[in-house]
Amino acid sequence: MKFSGLSSGNKALVIVNILIFAGYGLFTIVDSIVGMSRDETGAFLGILKIVFGVLMIGVGAANVYHIMKQTRNV
């Protein structure tokens, strides 16, 4: 189903999911890259934060997929 086929409530829900999960995931990835360039932050912590950021983006994508799938079945 396309985004234009969703109701207004579901469109808002999809946009909020994208803003929260993808936005926070990208922020975490960028923050970890900047943090790894400093001497006091370890590389392990930076890599861990990158993995967490990618997982947040994945959770957001799964939520959007679930909303689209649920709307299609109704």
Protein backbone atom coordinates (compact mmCIF):
# COMPACT_ATOMS: atom_id res chain seq x y z
CA MET A 1 0.00 0.00 0.00
CA LYS A 2 1.18 3.48 -0.76
CA PHE A 3 1.45 6.30 1.75
CA SER A 4 -1.31 8.21 -0.05
CA GLY A 5 -3.71 5.31 0.60
CA LEU A 6 -3.49 5.64 4.38
CA SER A 7 -6.01 7.47 6.52
CA SER A 8 -4.97 10.75 8.11
CA GLY A 9 -4.46 9.14 11.52
CA ASN A 10 -2.24 6.43 10.10
CA LYS A 11 -0.29 8.99 8.07
CA ALA A 12 0.44 10.90 11.25
CA LEU A 13 1.46 7.68 12.99
CA VAL A 14 3.86 6.77 10.17
CA ILE A 15 5.41 10.25 10.19
CA VAL A 16 5.85 10.19 13.98
CA ASN A 17 7.47 6.74 13.80
CA ILE A 18 9.89 7.92 11.14
CA LEU A 19 10.75 11.08 13.07
CA ILE A 20 11.29 9.32 16.38
CA PHE A 21 13.04 6.11 15.41
CA ALA A 22 14.95 7.16 12.30
CA GLY A 23 15.80 10.57 13.74
CA TYR A 24 17.10 9.15 16.99
CA GLY A 25 18.93 6.38 15.14
CA LEU A 26 20.69 8.86 12.86
CA PHE A 27 21.50 11.11 15.82
CA THR A 28 23.03 8.16 17.68
CA ILE A 29 25.13 7.14 14.67
CA VAL A 30 26.44 10.67 14.09
CA ASP A 31 27.06 11.16 17.81
CA SER A 32 29.07 7.95 17.99
CA ILE A 33 31.18 8.89 14.97
CA VAL A 34 31.95 12.28 16.52
CA GLY A 35 32.58 10.61 19.88
CA MET A 36 35.03 8.09 18.42
CA SER A 37 37.19 10.93 17.15
CA ARG A 38 37.85 11.99 20.75
CA ASP A 39 40.57 10.31 22.77
CA GLU A 40 38.54 9.75 25.94
CA THR A 41 35.79 7.75 24.20
CA GLY A 42 36.63 4.18 23.34
CA ALA A 43 36.09 2.60 19.96
CA PHE A 44 33.97 -0.18 21.49
CA LEU A 45 31.45 2.31 22.85
CA GLY A 46 31.31 4.08 19.50
CA ILE A 47 30.71 0.84 17.60
CA LEU A 48 28.07 -0.18 20.14
CA LYS A 49 26.25 3.12 19.64
CA ILE A 50 26.40 2.70 15.85
CA VAL A 51 24.81 -0.75 16.17
CA PHE A 52 22.14 0.69 18.48
CA GLY A 53 21.42 3.46 15.97
CA VAL A 54 21.01 0.95 13.14
CA LEU A 55 18.70 -1.13 15.35
CA MET A 56 16.57 1.96 16.09
CA ILE A 57 16.23 2.62 12.36
CA GLY A 58 15.27 -1.03 11.87
CA VAL A 59 12.62 -0.86 14.61
CA GLY A 60 11.17 2.25 12.98
CA ALA A 61 11.05 0.52 9.60
CA ALA A 62 9.38 -2.53 11.17
CA ASN A 63 6.76 -0.30 12.81
CA VAL A 64 5.99 1.45 9.53
CA TYR A 65 5.77 -1.92 7.74
CA HIS A 66 3.37 -3.20 10.41
CA ILE A 67 1.15 -0.13 10.07
CA MET A 68 1.07 -0.50 6.28
CA LYS A 69 0.34 -4.24 6.51
CA GLN A 70 -2.37 -3.75 9.13
CA THR A 71 -4.07 -1.09 7.02
CA ARG A 72 -3.96 -3.29 3.92
CA ASN A 73 -5.68 -6.20 5.71
CA VAL A 74 -8.53 -4.10 7.09
